[in-house]
Amino acid sequence: MSTPDAHLHSQWAPQIRRLGPTCDIVTAARILGFGRTTAFELMRQGAFPVEVLAFGRVRRVRTADLLAYLHIPLTIDQAEPTAGDPPQPHAA
């Protein structure tokens, strides 16, 4: 499975960051571009693109793992400035 282009997902970065520490498998699958059936099949095969956490019968994915897989910085201040961003002052 190839790593998705972060540029395609950069518009979703704020929404992904707001998911909280974890999200459900279906939400993670939608973010990664595939559906519920594929998500559960990949999970059963141990081939889901990021680690799946098991809490009893509930399966969750760390939001930080999704961001890392998509090459999206965990926080906004880790993002590289773009040409339109004002210069940031240096800490003394």
PDB file of N, CA and C in Angstrom:
ATOM      1  N   MET A   1       0.849  -1.164   0.000  1.00  0.00           N
ATOM      2  CA  MET A   1       0.000   0.000   0.000  1.00  0.00           C
ATOM      3  C   MET A   1       0.898   1.231   0.000  1.00  0.00           C
ATOM      4  N   SER A   2       0.725   2.170  -0.919  1.00  0.00           N
ATOM      5  CA  SER A   2       1.573   3.340  -0.998  1.00  0.00           C
ATOM      6  C   SER A   2       1.118   4.405  -0.009  1.00  0.00           C
ATOM      7  N   THR A   3       2.064   5.258   0.381  1.00  0.00           N
ATOM      8  CA  THR A   3       1.750   6.336   1.305  1.00  0.00           C
ATOM      9  C   THR A   3       1.033   7.445   0.549  1.00  0.00           C
ATOM     10  N   PRO A   4      -0.110   7.912   1.057  1.00  0.00           N
ATOM     11  CA  PRO A   4      -0.859   8.958   0.370  1.00  0.00           C
ATOM     12  C   PRO A   4      -0.072  10.259   0.310  1.00  0.00           C
ATOM     13  N   ASP A   5      -0.383  11.078  -0.681  1.00  0.00           N
ATOM     14  CA  ASP A   5       0.227  12.387  -0.836  1.00  0.00           C
ATOM     15  C   ASP A   5      -0.341  13.314   0.229  1.00  0.00           C
ATOM     16  N   ALA A   6       0.503  13.869   1.074  1.00  0.00           N
ATOM     17  CA  ALA A   6       0.047  14.734   2.165  1.00  0.00           C
ATOM     18  C   ALA A   6      -0.685  15.962   1.641  1.00  0.00           C
ATOM     19  N   HIS A   7      -0.305  16.441   0.455  1.00  0.00           N
ATOM     20  CA  HIS A   7      -0.964  17.617  -0.106  1.00  0.00           C
ATOM     21  C   HIS A   7      -2.463  17.380  -0.281  1.00  0.00           C
ATOM     22  N   LEU A   8      -2.842  16.185  -0.672  1.00  0.00           N
ATOM     23  CA  LEU A   8      -4.260  15.869  -0.863  1.00  0.00           C
ATOM     24  C   LEU A   8      -5.031  15.906   0.446  1.00  0.00           C
ATOM     25  N   HIS A   9      -4.352  15.617   1.555  1.00  0.00           N
ATOM     26  CA  HIS A   9      -5.015  15.538   2.847  1.00  0.00           C
ATOM     27  C   HIS A   9      -4.810  16.778   3.704  1.00  0.00           C
ATOM     28  N   SER A  10      -3.980  17.731   3.259  1.00  0.00           N
ATOM     29  CA  SER A  10      -3.682  18.896   4.082  1.00  0.00           C
ATOM     30  C   SER A  10      -4.924  19.709   4.403  1.00  0.00           C
ATOM     31  N   GLN A  11      -5.902  19.706   3.515  1.00  0.00           N
ATOM     32  CA  GLN A  11      -7.142  20.434   3.787  1.00  0.00           C
ATOM     33  C   GLN A  11      -7.915  19.800   4.937  1.00  0.00           C
ATOM     34  N   TRP A  12      -7.663  18.526   5.206  1.00  0.00           N
ATOM     35  CA  TRP A  12      -8.372  17.825   6.281  1.00  0.00           C
ATOM     36  C   TRP A  12      -7.615  17.862   7.595  1.00  0.00           C
ATOM     37  N   ALA A  13      -6.395  18.367   7.603  1.00  0.00           N
ATOM     38  CA  ALA A  13      -5.553  18.329   8.796  1.00  0.00           C
ATOM     39  C   ALA A  13      -6.245  18.897  10.033  1.00  0.00           C
ATOM     40  N   PRO A  14      -6.865  20.083   9.969  1.00  0.00           N
ATOM     41  CA  PRO A  14      -7.520  20.604  11.179  1.00  0.00           C
ATOM     42  C   PRO A  14      -8.628  19.685  11.695  1.00  0.00           C
ATOM     43  N   GLN A  15      -9.403  19.109  10.789  1.00  0.00           N
ATOM     44  CA  GLN A  15     -10.483  18.214  11.207  1.00  0.00           C
ATOM     45  C   GLN A  15      -9.924  16.933  11.824  1.00  0.00           C
ATOM     46  N   ILE A  16      -8.857  16.407  11.252  1.00  0.00           N
ATOM     47  CA  ILE A  16      -8.253  15.188  11.791  1.00  0.00           C
ATOM     48  C   ILE A  16      -7.701  15.461  13.183  1.00  0.00           C
ATOM     49  N   ARG A  17      -7.028  16.607  13.350  1.00  0.00           N
ATOM     50  CA  ARG A  17      -6.471  16.949  14.663  1.00  0.00           C
ATOM     51  C   ARG A  17      -7.561  17.080  15.721  1.00  0.00           C
ATOM     52  N   ARG A  18      -8.755  17.501  15.329  1.00  0.00           N
ATOM     53  CA  ARG A  18      -9.856  17.686  16.284  1.00  0.00           C
ATOM     54  C   ARG A  18     -10.561  16.380  16.650  1.00  0.00           C
ATOM     55  N   LEU A  19     -10.184  15.261  16.084  1.00  0.00           N
ATOM     56  CA  LEU A  19     -10.840  13.990  16.385  1.00  0.00           C
ATOM     57  C   LEU A  19     -10.601  13.520  17.813  1.00  0.00           C
ATOM     58  N   GLY A  20      -9.599  14.041  18.462  1.00  0.00           N
ATOM     59  CA  GLY A  20      -9.242  13.552  19.789  1.00  0.00           C
ATOM     60  C   GLY A  20      -8.105  12.561  19.680  1.00  0.00           C
ATOM     61  N   PRO A  21      -7.756  11.908  20.771  1.00  0.00           N
ATOM     62  CA  PRO A  21      -6.608  10.999  20.754  1.00  0.00           C
ATOM     63  C   PRO A  21      -6.782   9.793  19.835  1.00  0.00           C
ATOM     64  N   THR A  22      -8.024   9.307  19.689  1.00  0.00           N
ATOM     65  CA  THR A  22      -8.283   8.151  18.828  1.00  0.00           C
ATOM     66  C   THR A  22      -9.554   8.376  18.026  1.00  0.00           C
ATOM     67  N   CYS A  23      -9.729   7.553  17.006  1.00  0.00           N
ATOM     68  CA  CYS A  23     -10.982   7.561  16.238  1.00  0.00           C
ATOM     69  C   CYS A  23     -11.329   6.120  15.880  1.00  0.00           C
ATOM     70  N   ASP A  24     -12.563   5.920  15.465  1.00  0.00           N
ATOM     71  CA  ASP A  24     -13.001   4.571  15.117  1.00  0.00           C
ATOM     72  C   ASP A  24     -12.434   4.150  13.758  1.00  0.00           C
ATOM     73  N   ILE A  25     -12.514   2.874  13.484  1.00  0.00           N
ATOM     74  CA  ILE A  25     -11.956   2.290  12.258  1.00  0.00           C
ATOM     75  C   ILE A  25     -12.602   2.879  11.005  1.00  0.00           C
ATOM     76  N   VAL A  26     -13.908   3.077  11.021  1.00  0.00           N
ATOM     77  CA  VAL A  26     -14.611   3.587   9.839  1.00  0.00           C
ATOM     78  C   VAL A  26     -14.162   5.009   9.528  1.00  0.00           C
ATOM     79  N   THR A  27     -14.019   5.852  10.552  1.00  0.00           N
ATOM     80  CA  THR A  27     -13.537   7.218  10.334  1.00  0.00           C
ATOM     81  C   THR A  27     -12.119   7.193   9.778  1.00  0.00           C
ATOM     82  N   ALA A  28     -11.264   6.369  10.360  1.00  0.00           N
ATOM     83  CA  ALA A  28      -9.888   6.255   9.865  1.00  0.00           C
ATOM     84  C   ALA A  28      -9.874   5.803   8.410  1.00  0.00           C
ATOM     85  N   ALA A  29     -10.720   4.838   8.075  1.00  0.00           N
ATOM     86  CA  ALA A  29     -10.791   4.343   6.696  1.00  0.00           C
ATOM     87  C   ALA A  29     -11.206   5.454   5.742  1.00  0.00           C
ATOM     88  N   ARG A  30     -12.196   6.229   6.118  1.00  0.00           N
ATOM     89  CA  ARG A  30     -12.640   7.336   5.252  1.00  0.00           C
ATOM     90  C   ARG A  30     -11.514   8.326   5.020  1.00  0.00           C
ATOM     91  N   ILE A  31     -10.781   8.645   6.085  1.00  0.00           N
ATOM     92  CA  ILE A  31      -9.646   9.561   5.956  1.00  0.00           C
ATOM     93  C   ILE A  31      -8.604   8.982   5.004  1.00  0.00           C
ATOM     94  N   LEU A  32      -8.388   7.674   5.079  1.00  0.00           N
ATOM     95  CA  LEU A  32      -7.384   7.014   4.242  1.00  0.00           C
ATOM     96  C   LEU A  32      -7.887   6.699   2.838  1.00  0.00           C
ATOM     97  N   GLY A  33      -9.180   6.895   2.602  1.00  0.00           N
ATOM     98  CA  GLY A  33      -9.709   6.759   1.247  1.00  0.00           C
ATOM     99  C   GLY A  33     -10.324   5.420   0.902  1.00  0.00           C
ATOM    100  N   PHE A  34     -10.713   4.630   1.884  1.00  0.00           N
ATOM    101  CA  PHE A  34     -11.410   3.388   1.568  1.00  0.00           C
ATOM    102  C   PHE A  34     -12.581   3.191   2.515  1.00  0.00           C
ATOM    103  N   GLY A  35     -13.402   2.213   2.233  1.00  0.00           N
ATOM    104  CA  GLY A  35     -14.654   2.016   2.946  1.00  0.00           C
ATOM    105  C   GLY A  35     -14.579   1.057   4.119  1.00  0.00           C
ATOM    106  N   ARG A  36     -15.715   0.906   4.756  1.00  0.00           N
ATOM    107  CA  ARG A  36     -15.875   0.091   5.952  1.00  0.00           C
ATOM    108  C   ARG A  36     -15.472  -1.370   5.725  1.00  0.00           C
ATOM    109  N   THR A  37     -15.988  -1.970   4.654  1.00  0.00           N
ATOM    110  CA  THR A  37     -15.711  -3.383   4.396  1.00  0.00           C
ATOM    111  C   THR A  37     -14.218  -3.622   4.219  1.00  0.00           C
ATOM    112  N   THR A  38     -13.576  -2.785   3.424  1.00  0.00           N
ATOM    113  CA  THR A  38     -12.134  -2.903   3.216  1.00  0.00           C
ATOM    114  C   THR A  38     -11.388  -2.690   4.527  1.00  0.00           C
ATOM    115  N   ALA A  39     -11.834  -1.718   5.312  1.00  0.00           N
ATOM    116  CA  ALA A  39     -11.181  -1.431   6.596  1.00  0.00           C
ATOM    117  C   ALA A  39     -11.184  -2.651   7.504  1.00  0.00           C
ATOM    118  N   PHE A  40     -12.348  -3.284   7.643  1.00  0.00           N
ATOM    119  CA  PHE A  40     -12.430  -4.439   8.532  1.00  0.00           C
ATOM    120  C   PHE A  40     -11.673  -5.644   7.976  1.00  0.00           C
ATOM    121  N   GLU A  41     -11.646  -5.777   6.669  1.00  0.00           N
ATOM    122  CA  GLU A  41     -10.878  -6.869   6.062  1.00  0.00           C
ATOM    123  C   GLU A  41      -9.374  -6.657   6.300  1.00  0.00           C
ATOM    124  N   LEU A  42      -8.898  -5.433   6.069  1.00  0.00           N
ATOM    125  CA  LEU A  42      -7.486  -5.131   6.321  1.00  0.00           C
ATOM    126  C   LEU A  42      -7.138  -5.339   7.791  1.00  0.00           C
ATOM    127  N   MET A  43      -8.050  -4.928   8.670  1.00  0.00           N
ATOM    128  CA  MET A  43      -7.820  -5.097  10.100  1.00  0.00           C
ATOM    129  C   MET A  43      -7.695  -6.582  10.452  1.00  0.00           C
ATOM    130  N   ARG A  44      -8.587  -7.405   9.915  1.00  0.00           N
ATOM    131  CA  ARG A  44      -8.546  -8.850  10.182  1.00  0.00           C
ATOM    132  C   ARG A  44      -7.249  -9.482   9.672  1.00  0.00           C
ATOM    133  N   GLN A  45      -6.748  -8.967   8.556  1.00  0.00           N
ATOM    134  CA  GLN A  45      -5.507  -9.496   7.964  1.00  0.00           C
ATOM    135  C   GLN A  45      -4.252  -8.941   8.641  1.00  0.00           C
ATOM    136  N   GLY A  46      -4.442  -7.975   9.538  1.00  0.00           N
ATOM    137  CA  GLY A  46      -3.296  -7.313  10.156  1.00  0.00           C
ATOM    138  C   GLY A  46      -2.597  -6.378   9.201  1.00  0.00           C
ATOM    139  N   ALA A  47      -3.326  -5.896   8.191  1.00  0.00           N
ATOM    140  CA  ALA A  47      -2.734  -5.068   7.142  1.00  0.00           C
ATOM    141  C   ALA A  47      -3.272  -3.637   7.130  1.00  0.00           C
ATOM    142  N   PHE A  48      -3.997  -3.228   8.181  1.00  0.00           N
ATOM    143  CA  PHE A  48      -4.482  -1.843   8.225  1.00  0.00           C
ATOM    144  C   PHE A  48      -3.253  -0.939   8.243  1.00  0.00           C
ATOM    145  N   PRO A  49      -3.273   0.177   7.516  1.00  0.00           N
ATOM    146  CA  PRO A  49      -2.063   1.000   7.356  1.00  0.00           C
ATOM    147  C   PRO A  49      -1.456   1.547   8.649  1.00  0.00           C
ATOM    148  N   VAL A  50      -2.257   1.688   9.708  1.00  0.00           N
ATOM    149  CA  VAL A  50      -1.742   2.141  11.001  1.00  0.00           C
ATOM    150  C   VAL A  50      -2.169   1.140  12.074  1.00  0.00           C
ATOM    151  N   GLU A  51      -1.523   1.202  13.227  1.00  0.00           N
ATOM    152  CA  GLU A  51      -1.835   0.262  14.304  1.00  0.00           C
ATOM    153  C   GLU A  51      -3.286   0.405  14.765  1.00  0.00           C
ATOM    154  N   VAL A  52      -3.943  -0.723  14.948  1.00  0.00           N
ATOM    155  CA  VAL A  52      -5.318  -0.763  15.444  1.00  0.00           C
ATOM    156  C   VAL A  52      -5.272  -1.198  16.905  1.00  0.00           C
ATOM    157  N   LEU A  53      -5.911  -0.404  17.763  1.00  0.00           N
ATOM    158  CA  LEU A  53      -5.964  -0.701  19.190  1.00  0.00           C
ATOM    159  C   LEU A  53      -7.247  -1.442  19.506  1.00  0.00           C
ATOM    160  N   ALA A  54      -7.160  -2.453  20.349  1.00  0.00           N
ATOM    161  CA  ALA A  54      -8.337  -3.233  20.733  1.00  0.00           C
ATOM    162  C   ALA A  54      -8.693  -2.937  22.182  1.00  0.00           C
ATOM    163  N   PHE A  55      -9.946  -2.542  22.387  1.00  0.00           N
ATOM    164  CA  PHE A  55     -10.502  -2.323  23.718  1.00  0.00           C
ATOM    165  C   PHE A  55     -11.743  -3.197  23.814  1.00  0.00           C
ATOM    166  N   GLY A  56     -11.565  -4.430  24.235  1.00  0.00           N
ATOM    167  CA  GLY A  56     -12.680  -5.377  24.201  1.00  0.00           C
ATOM    168  C   GLY A  56     -13.062  -5.623  22.752  1.00  0.00           C
ATOM    169  N   ARG A  57     -14.322  -5.357  22.412  1.00  0.00           N
ATOM    170  CA  ARG A  57     -14.787  -5.517  21.030  1.00  0.00           C
ATOM    171  C   ARG A  57     -14.603  -4.254  20.194  1.00  0.00           C
ATOM    172  N   VAL A  58     -14.222  -3.168  20.840  1.00  0.00           N
ATOM    173  CA  VAL A  58     -14.060  -1.882  20.158  1.00  0.00           C
ATOM    174  C   VAL A  58     -12.649  -1.786  19.579  1.00  0.00           C
ATOM    175  N   ARG A  59     -12.558  -1.285  18.355  1.00  0.00           N
ATOM    176  CA  ARG A  59     -11.271  -1.087  17.695  1.00  0.00           C
ATOM    177  C   ARG A  59     -11.109   0.399  17.388  1.00  0.00           C
ATOM    178  N   ARG A  60      -9.946   0.940  17.743  1.00  0.00           N
ATOM    179  CA  ARG A  60      -9.671   2.358  17.550  1.00  0.00           C
ATOM    180  C   ARG A  60      -8.302   2.529  16.895  1.00  0.00           C
ATOM    181  N   VAL A  61      -8.086   3.717  16.356  1.00  0.00           N
ATOM    182  CA  VAL A  61      -6.818   4.080  15.731  1.00  0.00           C
ATOM    183  C   VAL A  61      -6.364   5.388  16.365  1.00  0.00           C
ATOM    184  N   ARG A  62      -5.072   5.491  16.679  1.00  0.00           N
ATOM    185  CA  ARG A  62      -4.538   6.750  17.216  1.00  0.00           C
ATOM    186  C   ARG A  62      -4.559   7.814  16.119  1.00  0.00           C
ATOM    187  N   THR A  63      -5.075   8.979  16.470  1.00  0.00           N
ATOM    188  CA  THR A  63      -5.100  10.100  15.530  1.00  0.00           C
ATOM    189  C   THR A  63      -3.676  10.498  15.144  1.00  0.00           C
ATOM    190  N   ALA A  64      -2.767  10.479  16.090  1.00  0.00           N
ATOM    191  CA  ALA A  64      -1.366  10.823  15.799  1.00  0.00           C
ATOM    192  C   ALA A  64      -0.773   9.876  14.760  1.00  0.00           C
ATOM    193  N   ASP A  65      -1.152   8.599  14.814  1.00  0.00           N
ATOM    194  CA  ASP A  65      -0.664   7.633  13.821  1.00  0.00           C
ATOM    195  C   ASP A  65      -1.201   7.953  12.427  1.00  0.00           C
ATOM    196  N   LEU A  66      -2.470   8.366  12.355  1.00  0.00           N
ATOM    197  CA  LEU A  66      -3.047   8.760  11.060  1.00  0.00           C
ATOM    198  C   LEU A  66      -2.308   9.961  10.495  1.00  0.00           C
ATOM    199  N   LEU A  67      -2.093  10.970  11.343  1.00  0.00           N
ATOM    200  CA  LEU A  67      -1.383  12.167  10.890  1.00  0.00           C
ATOM    201  C   LEU A  67       0.019  11.811  10.404  1.00  0.00           C
ATOM    202  N   ALA A  68       0.715  10.972  11.139  1.00  0.00           N
ATOM    203  CA  ALA A  68       2.072  10.568  10.734  1.00  0.00           C
ATOM    204  C   ALA A  68       2.043   9.817   9.407  1.00  0.00           C
ATOM    205  N   TYR A  69       1.101   8.903   9.249  1.00  0.00           N
ATOM    206  CA  TYR A  69       0.990   8.131   8.008  1.00  0.00           C
ATOM    207  C   TYR A  69       0.749   9.047   6.811  1.00  0.00           C
ATOM    208  N   LEU A  70      -0.035  10.107   7.040  1.00  0.00           N
ATOM    209  CA  LEU A  70      -0.361  11.053   5.971  1.00  0.00           C
ATOM    210  C   LEU A  70       0.683  12.157   5.828  1.00  0.00           C
ATOM    211  N   HIS A  71       1.744  12.090   6.638  1.00  0.00           N
ATOM    212  CA  HIS A  71       2.806  13.105   6.620  1.00  0.00           C
ATOM    213  C   HIS A  71       2.257  14.490   6.929  1.00  0.00           C
ATOM    214  N   ILE A  72       1.329  14.555   7.859  1.00  0.00           N
ATOM    215  CA  ILE A  72       0.759  15.817   8.331  1.00  0.00           C
ATOM    216  C   ILE A  72       1.313  16.047   9.730  1.00  0.00           C
ATOM    217  N   PRO A  73       1.861  17.238  10.004  1.00  0.00           N
ATOM    218  CA  PRO A  73       2.393  17.506  11.345  1.00  0.00           C
ATOM    219  C   PRO A  73       1.315  17.326  12.415  1.00  0.00           C
ATOM    220  N   LEU A  74       1.749  16.856  13.571  1.00  0.00           N
ATOM    221  CA  LEU A  74       0.831  16.629  14.678  1.00  0.00           C
ATOM    222  C   LEU A  74       0.200  17.928  15.155  1.00  0.00           C
ATOM    223  N   THR A  75       0.991  18.985  15.191  1.00  0.00           N
ATOM    224  CA  THR A  75       0.477  20.290  15.601  1.00  0.00           C
ATOM    225  C   THR A  75       0.756  21.301  14.506  1.00  0.00           C
ATOM    226  N   ILE A  76       0.025  22.384  14.549  1.00  0.00           N
ATOM    227  CA  ILE A  76       0.165  23.420  13.521  1.00  0.00           C
ATOM    228  C   ILE A  76       1.559  24.030  13.562  1.00  0.00           C
ATOM    229  N   ASP A  77       2.131  24.236  14.755  1.00  0.00           N
ATOM    230  CA  ASP A  77       3.447  24.862  14.852  1.00  0.00           C
ATOM    231  C   ASP A  77       4.572  23.974  14.326  1.00  0.00           C
ATOM    232  N   GLN A  78       4.300  22.689  14.058  1.00  0.00           N
ATOM    233  CA  GLN A  78       5.298  21.805  13.447  1.00  0.00           C
ATOM    234  C   GLN A  78       5.260  21.883  11.924  1.00  0.00           C
ATOM    235  N   ALA A  79       4.219  22.507  11.382  1.00  0.00           N
ATOM    236  CA  ALA A  79       4.084  22.603   9.929  1.00  0.00           C
ATOM    237  C   ALA A  79       5.119  23.576   9.383  1.00  0.00           C
ATOM    238  N   GLU A  80       5.601  23.286   8.198  1.00  0.00           N
ATOM    239  CA  GLU A  80       6.543  24.189   7.552  1.00  0.00           C
ATOM    240  C   GLU A  80       5.791  25.405   7.046  1.00  0.00           C
ATOM    241  N   PRO A  81       6.372  26.612   7.187  1.00  0.00           N
ATOM    242  CA  PRO A  81       5.690  27.801   6.684  1.00  0.00           C
ATOM    243  C   PRO A  81       5.602  27.775   5.164  1.00  0.00           C
ATOM    244  N   THR A  82       4.532  28.331   4.649  1.00  0.00           N
ATOM    245  CA  THR A  82       4.371  28.444   3.202  1.00  0.00           C
ATOM    246  C   THR A  82       4.737  29.853   2.782  1.00  0.00           C
ATOM    247  N   ALA A  83       4.785  30.107   1.493  1.00  0.00           N
ATOM    248  CA  ALA A  83       5.176  31.418   0.977  1.00  0.00           C
ATOM    249  C   ALA A  83       4.266  32.523   1.505  1.00  0.00           C
ATOM    250  N   GLY A  84       3.007  32.238   1.778  1.00  0.00           N
ATOM    251  CA  GLY A  84       2.062  33.245   2.246  1.00  0.00           C
ATOM    252  C   GLY A  84       2.087  33.468   3.744  1.00  0.00           C
ATOM    253  N   ASP A  85       2.847  32.668   4.487  1.00  0.00           N
ATOM    254  CA  ASP A  85       2.903  32.813   5.937  1.00  0.00           C
ATOM    255  C   ASP A  85       3.856  33.933   6.318  1.00  0.00           C
ATOM    256  N   PRO A  86       3.482  34.748   7.322  1.00  0.00           N
ATOM    257  CA  PRO A  86       4.404  35.791   7.777  1.00  0.00           C
ATOM    258  C   PRO A  86       5.584  35.151   8.498  1.00  0.00           C
ATOM    259  N   PRO A  87       6.729  35.811   8.479  1.00  0.00           N
ATOM    260  CA  PRO A  87       7.880  35.251   9.183  1.00  0.00           C
ATOM    261  C   PRO A  87       7.601  35.180  10.682  1.00  0.00           C
ATOM    262  N   GLN A  88       8.101  34.143  11.324  1.00  0.00           N
ATOM    263  CA  GLN A  88       7.899  33.961  12.759  1.00  0.00           C
ATOM    264  C   GLN A  88       9.104  34.518  13.512  1.00  0.00           C
ATOM    265  N   PRO A  89       8.851  35.222  14.642  1.00  0.00           N
ATOM    266  CA  PRO A  89       9.981  35.744  15.423  1.00  0.00           C
ATOM    267  C   PRO A  89      10.770  34.594  16.046  1.00  0.00           C
ATOM    268  N   HIS A  90      12.055  34.790  16.169  1.00  0.00           N
ATOM    269  CA  HIS A  90      12.915  33.769  16.775  1.00  0.00           C
ATOM    270  C   HIS A  90      12.908  33.952  18.283  1.00  0.00           C
ATOM    271  N   ALA A  91      12.930  32.850  19.007  1.00  0.00           N
ATOM    272  CA  ALA A  91      12.990  32.915  20.468  1.00  0.00           C
ATOM    273  C   ALA A  91      14.372  33.396  20.886  1.00  0.00           C
ATOM    274  N   ALA A  92      14.410  34.221  21.913  1.00  0.00           N
ATOM    275  CA  ALA A  92      15.689  34.770  22.382  1.00  0.00           C
ATOM    276  C   ALA A  92      16.401  33.804  23.282  1.00  0.00           C
TER     277      ALA A  92
END
